[in-house]
Amino acid sequence: MTCDKSEKFGDTAAILSGREGPPVMLIHGMGLHMHMWHGQLPPLEARFRVVRYDMLGHGESDKPVKTYTMDDLVDQALRLLNRLELERCALVGFSLGGMIGRAFALAHPDRISALAILNSAHARDAEQRQGMMERLEIALQSGLTATTEAALTRWFTEPFTARNPPVIDRVRRWMNANDPEVYPLIYRILAEGDAPLADAIADIDCPTLALACGEDHGNSPEMARQMAELIPDCQAVTVPGLRHMGLVENPPAINEVLVPFLEKALQT
């Protein structure tokens, strides 16, 4: 049952949908919101109780102007689980959401049954991190909209962009609707948050999927393979021919990896 009407749980806007079954929580990426998951909802809702929410500073959730930390974003997910009276869930995190998922699995191992890390950076090198910091500086100096077009180029393949202007326009509107004060404050977590997790993820002890798209160079297949080498029960999968937003560009290609992983991990 696909639902687009959100409820407010404290500081967090969320939507619950799907059938009564093992809960799966979806954590979106930087500058996006819970509605980015539409391509994944049909197969997930047919099998699981799906929880999707807007992280702090995004969408309909609260947007305080403050210094944000990874702990703030992990604590938000924990508060939502508690509000929903969910003892455990599977976490599916995209990009920054994948970092939050890793941090949550380390901080609250008793609350997570499986972890799917989609298109998320791991152990960036100096050049990669410098690129992130340069984009942050552009957002600070010229506003977040100054980074949108370059992001869309990184996120979608050229043929898809040419054939699907309404999709590109929709994602552009999502990006440009972000709060210009809050966006850079959270972007810093995206730029720096992979470093503290780089070695610590060896302690993640739940079934884990590290998925990358073949043309997503900032969140590369090599990064997914490195995570799988560190996390004891982790499989790395590369989906070829897609960039960062492969889950929007070609949902079936992502779903045919993600859904069987969750079915096996949650024994549905």
Protein backbone atom coordinates (compact mmCIF):
# COMPACT_ATOMS: atom_id res chain seq x y z
CA MET A 1 0.00 0.00 0.00
CA THR A 2 1.80 3.09 -1.23
CA CYS A 3 1.08 6.12 0.92
CA ASP A 4 2.30 9.71 0.53
CA LYS A 5 0.69 11.23 3.63
CA SER A 6 3.23 11.78 6.36
CA GLU A 7 2.75 11.97 10.12
CA LYS A 8 4.87 13.89 12.60
CA PHE A 9 6.56 11.93 15.36
CA GLY A 10 8.21 14.58 17.51
CA ASP A 11 10.72 16.34 15.27
CA THR A 12 10.49 13.74 12.50
CA ALA A 13 8.08 13.42 9.57
CA ALA A 14 7.55 9.81 8.54
CA ILE A 15 5.30 7.53 6.52
CA LEU A 16 4.38 3.95 7.45
CA SER A 17 3.14 1.69 4.69
CA GLY A 18 3.12 -1.89 3.49
CA ARG A 19 1.89 -5.02 5.21
CA GLU A 20 2.36 -6.33 8.71
CA GLY A 21 5.76 -7.94 8.53
CA PRO A 22 9.38 -7.37 9.40
CA PRO A 23 10.01 -3.60 9.58
CA VAL A 24 12.35 -1.97 7.09
CA MET A 25 13.42 1.65 7.62
CA LEU A 26 14.54 3.72 4.62
CA ILE A 27 17.02 6.58 5.11
CA HIS A 28 17.37 8.97 2.18
CA GLY A 29 20.42 10.86 0.98
CA MET A 30 21.72 14.40 1.36
CA GLY A 31 19.41 17.09 0.01
CA LEU A 32 16.62 14.62 -0.74
CA HIS A 33 13.67 13.33 1.28
CA MET A 34 11.54 10.28 1.95
CA HIS A 35 9.75 10.48 -1.40
CA MET A 36 12.91 9.47 -3.29
CA TRP A 37 12.06 5.80 -2.57
CA HIS A 38 9.02 5.48 -4.86
CA GLY A 39 10.79 3.04 -7.18
CA GLN A 40 11.52 0.69 -4.27
CA LEU A 41 8.14 0.86 -2.55
CA PRO A 42 6.09 -1.65 -4.58
CA PRO A 43 8.27 -4.71 -3.90
CA LEU A 44 9.13 -3.61 -0.35
CA GLU A 45 5.55 -2.85 0.68
CA ALA A 46 4.42 -6.24 -0.66
CA ARG A 47 6.74 -7.98 1.81
CA PHE A 48 7.55 -5.68 4.72
CA ARG A 49 6.30 -2.96 7.02
CA VAL A 50 8.05 0.05 5.50
CA VAL A 51 9.07 3.14 7.47
CA ARG A 52 10.48 6.11 5.55
CA TYR A 53 11.25 9.45 7.08
CA ASP A 54 12.86 12.83 6.47
CA MET A 55 16.17 13.27 8.25
CA LEU A 56 16.60 16.42 10.31
CA GLY A 57 17.00 19.52 8.16
CA HIS A 58 15.12 17.91 5.27
CA GLY A 59 11.60 17.66 3.92
CA GLU A 60 8.92 18.00 6.57
CA SER A 61 11.13 17.22 9.57
CA ASP A 62 12.40 19.95 11.88
CA LYS A 63 15.21 22.16 10.54
CA PRO A 64 16.97 23.84 13.44
CA VAL A 65 19.96 25.99 12.50
CA LYS A 66 22.66 24.35 14.59
CA THR A 67 25.86 22.37 14.37
CA TYR A 68 24.83 18.87 13.31
CA THR A 69 26.71 15.69 14.14
CA MET A 70 26.35 12.10 13.05
CA ASP A 71 25.05 11.35 16.54
CA ASP A 72 22.15 13.75 15.92
CA LEU A 73 21.11 11.76 12.86
CA VAL A 74 21.56 8.37 14.53
CA ASP A 75 19.59 9.54 17.57
CA GLN A 76 16.78 10.71 15.31
CA ALA A 77 16.42 7.23 13.82
CA LEU A 78 16.47 5.70 17.30
CA ARG A 79 13.79 8.10 18.57
CA LEU A 80 11.58 7.22 15.63
CA LEU A 81 11.95 3.48 16.28
CA ASN A 82 11.02 4.06 19.91
CA ARG A 83 8.03 6.22 19.00
CA LEU A 84 6.81 3.48 16.66
CA GLU A 85 7.48 0.82 19.32
CA LEU A 86 9.68 -1.15 16.95
CA GLU A 87 12.21 -3.27 18.79
CA ARG A 88 14.33 -4.03 15.73
CA CYS A 89 14.35 -3.17 12.05
CA ALA A 90 16.34 -3.54 8.88
CA LEU A 91 17.95 -0.29 7.76
CA VAL A 92 18.32 0.66 4.10
CA GLY A 93 20.41 3.80 3.70
CA PHE A 94 21.27 5.68 0.52
CA SER A 95 24.45 7.81 0.34
CA LEU A 96 24.45 9.86 3.58
CA GLY A 97 21.71 7.50 4.72
CA GLY A 98 24.17 4.64 4.25
CA MET A 99 26.61 6.38 6.59
CA ILE A 100 23.84 6.87 9.14
CA GLY A 101 22.96 3.19 8.81
CA ARG A 102 26.54 2.16 9.52
CA ALA A 103 26.79 4.48 12.50
CA PHE A 104 23.44 3.23 13.82
CA ALA A 105 24.51 -0.41 13.49
CA LEU A 106 27.61 0.35 15.56
CA ALA A 107 25.81 2.40 18.22
CA HIS A 108 22.71 0.19 18.57
CA PRO A 109 23.50 -3.34 17.39
CA ASP A 110 20.56 -4.76 19.34
CA ARG A 111 18.08 -2.64 17.35
CA ILE A 112 19.12 -3.63 13.83
CA SER A 113 18.34 -6.90 12.05
CA ALA A 114 20.00 -6.18 8.67
CA LEU A 115 21.74 -3.31 6.92
CA ALA A 116 21.72 -2.32 3.25
CA ILE A 117 24.26 0.35 2.27
CA LEU A 118 23.39 1.86 -1.11
CA ASN A 119 25.77 4.13 -3.06
CA SER A 120 27.57 5.34 0.05
CA ALA A 121 31.14 6.56 0.42
CA HIS A 122 33.77 4.72 2.45
CA ALA A 123 37.29 5.85 3.42
CA ARG A 124 37.62 8.65 0.86
CA ASP A 125 41.16 9.54 -0.13
CA ALA A 126 42.53 13.08 0.16
CA GLU A 127 41.54 14.05 -3.39
CA GLN A 128 38.00 12.76 -3.00
CA ARG A 129 37.55 14.55 0.30
CA GLN A 130 38.93 17.77 -1.16
CA GLY A 131 36.29 17.59 -3.90
CA MET A 132 33.58 17.29 -1.25
CA MET A 133 34.93 20.26 0.67
CA GLU A 134 35.09 22.34 -2.50
CA ARG A 135 31.41 21.64 -3.15
CA LEU A 136 30.64 22.61 0.43
CA GLU A 137 32.50 25.90 -0.07
CA ILE A 138 30.50 26.62 -3.23
CA ALA A 139 27.26 26.03 -1.31
CA LEU A 140 28.44 28.35 1.45
CA GLN A 141 29.58 31.11 -0.89
CA SER A 142 27.02 30.93 -3.69
CA GLY A 143 24.09 29.01 -2.25
CA LEU A 144 23.18 25.36 -2.57
CA THR A 145 21.51 25.86 -5.97
CA ALA A 146 24.98 26.57 -7.39
CA THR A 147 25.83 22.88 -6.89
CA THR A 148 22.60 21.37 -8.23
CA GLU A 149 23.39 20.99 -11.93
CA ALA A 150 26.77 19.39 -11.29
CA ALA A 151 25.09 17.00 -8.87
CA LEU A 152 22.49 15.98 -11.44
CA THR A 153 25.28 15.24 -13.91
CA ARG A 154 26.98 12.97 -11.38
CA TRP A 155 23.73 11.31 -10.40
CA PHE A 156 22.16 10.34 -13.75
CA THR A 157 23.51 8.97 -17.02
CA GLU A 158 23.34 11.22 -20.08
CA PRO A 159 20.88 9.04 -22.04
CA PHE A 160 18.47 8.92 -19.09
CA THR A 161 18.73 12.67 -18.57
CA ALA A 162 17.97 13.31 -22.23
CA ARG A 163 14.95 10.99 -22.25
CA ASN A 164 13.45 11.91 -18.87
CA PRO A 165 13.44 15.67 -18.29
CA PRO A 166 10.42 15.48 -15.90
CA VAL A 167 12.36 13.17 -13.57
CA ILE A 168 15.42 15.40 -13.66
CA ASP A 169 13.26 18.47 -13.04
CA ARG A 170 11.62 16.78 -10.06
CA VAL A 171 14.95 15.93 -8.44
CA ARG A 172 16.21 19.46 -9.22
CA ARG A 173 13.21 20.90 -7.37
CA TRP A 174 13.87 18.61 -4.41
CA MET A 175 17.45 19.82 -4.21
CA ASN A 176 16.70 23.51 -4.66
CA ALA A 177 13.95 23.42 -2.02
CA ASN A 178 16.45 22.75 0.79
CA ASP A 179 16.96 25.31 3.51
CA PRO A 180 20.04 27.31 2.40
CA GLU A 181 21.24 27.77 5.99
CA VAL A 182 20.79 24.19 7.14
CA TYR A 183 21.99 22.39 4.00
CA PRO A 184 25.71 23.24 4.43
CA LEU A 185 25.55 22.31 8.11
CA ILE A 186 24.46 18.77 7.30
CA TYR A 187 26.56 18.52 4.14
CA ARG A 188 29.64 18.63 6.35
CA ILE A 189 28.57 15.27 7.82
CA LEU A 190 28.38 13.84 4.31
CA ALA A 191 31.82 15.23 3.49
CA GLU A 192 33.53 14.02 6.65
CA GLY A 193 31.35 11.30 8.13
CA ASP A 194 32.91 8.35 6.31
CA ALA A 195 36.29 8.80 8.02
CA PRO A 196 35.32 7.84 11.60
CA LEU A 197 33.44 4.80 10.24
CA ALA A 198 36.22 3.52 7.99
CA ASP A 199 37.77 1.02 10.42
CA ALA A 200 34.96 0.85 12.98
CA ILE A 201 32.58 -0.95 10.59
CA ALA A 202 34.52 -4.16 11.20
CA ASP A 203 32.37 -4.41 14.35
CA ILE A 204 29.04 -4.47 12.48
CA ASP A 205 27.57 -7.89 13.19
CA CYS A 206 24.30 -8.03 11.23
CA PRO A 207 23.78 -9.27 7.64
CA THR A 208 24.89 -6.44 5.38
CA LEU A 209 24.67 -5.52 1.70
CA ALA A 210 27.05 -2.96 0.18
CA LEU A 211 25.64 -1.98 -3.21
CA ALA A 212 27.32 0.37 -5.68
CA CYS A 213 26.56 1.47 -9.23
CA GLY A 214 29.25 1.01 -11.83
CA GLU A 215 29.47 4.66 -12.88
CA ASP A 216 29.08 6.22 -9.42
CA HIS A 217 32.70 7.25 -9.01
CA GLY A 218 32.24 9.15 -5.74
CA ASN A 219 30.66 6.11 -4.08
CA SER A 220 32.46 3.50 -6.08
CA PRO A 221 32.27 -0.27 -6.45
CA GLU A 222 35.75 -0.38 -4.93
CA MET A 223 34.41 1.32 -1.82
CA ALA A 224 31.64 -1.29 -1.60
CA ARG A 225 34.20 -4.09 -1.94
CA GLN A 226 36.34 -2.54 0.79
CA MET A 227 33.34 -2.39 3.13
CA ALA A 228 32.55 -6.03 2.40
CA GLU A 229 36.11 -6.99 3.28
CA LEU A 230 35.77 -5.28 6.67
CA ILE A 231 32.21 -6.18 7.72
CA PRO A 232 32.12 -9.89 8.65
CA ASP A 233 28.72 -10.78 7.10
CA CYS A 234 28.64 -8.46 4.10
CA GLN A 235 28.21 -8.98 0.38
CA ALA A 236 29.27 -6.38 -2.18
CA VAL A 237 27.26 -6.00 -5.39
CA THR A 238 27.92 -3.70 -8.34
CA VAL A 239 25.03 -2.75 -10.64
CA PRO A 240 26.58 -1.76 -13.99
CA GLY A 241 25.70 1.16 -16.22
CA LEU A 242 24.19 3.45 -13.58
CA ARG A 243 25.38 6.47 -11.61
CA HIS A 244 24.60 7.68 -8.10
CA MET A 245 20.80 7.77 -8.42
CA GLY A 246 20.51 4.36 -10.01
CA LEU A 247 17.63 3.54 -7.68
CA VAL A 248 15.62 6.32 -9.39
CA GLU A 249 16.95 5.80 -12.91
CA ASN A 250 16.44 2.03 -12.97
CA PRO A 251 14.54 0.82 -9.88
CA PRO A 252 14.25 -2.83 -11.01
CA ALA A 253 18.03 -3.14 -11.33
CA ILE A 254 18.43 -2.10 -7.68
CA ASN A 255 15.37 -3.94 -6.40
CA GLU A 256 16.47 -7.28 -7.81
CA VAL A 257 19.49 -7.10 -5.51
CA LEU A 258 17.98 -5.33 -2.51
CA VAL A 259 14.74 -7.27 -2.10
CA PRO A 260 16.24 -10.80 -2.12
CA PHE A 261 18.88 -9.64 0.35
CA LEU A 262 16.20 -8.39 2.75
CA GLU A 263 14.04 -11.48 2.25
CA LYS A 264 16.95 -13.75 3.15
CA ALA A 265 18.18 -11.61 6.04
CA LEU A 266 14.70 -11.25 7.52
CA GLN A 267 13.65 -14.78 6.57
CA THR A 268 10.42 -13.79 4.89
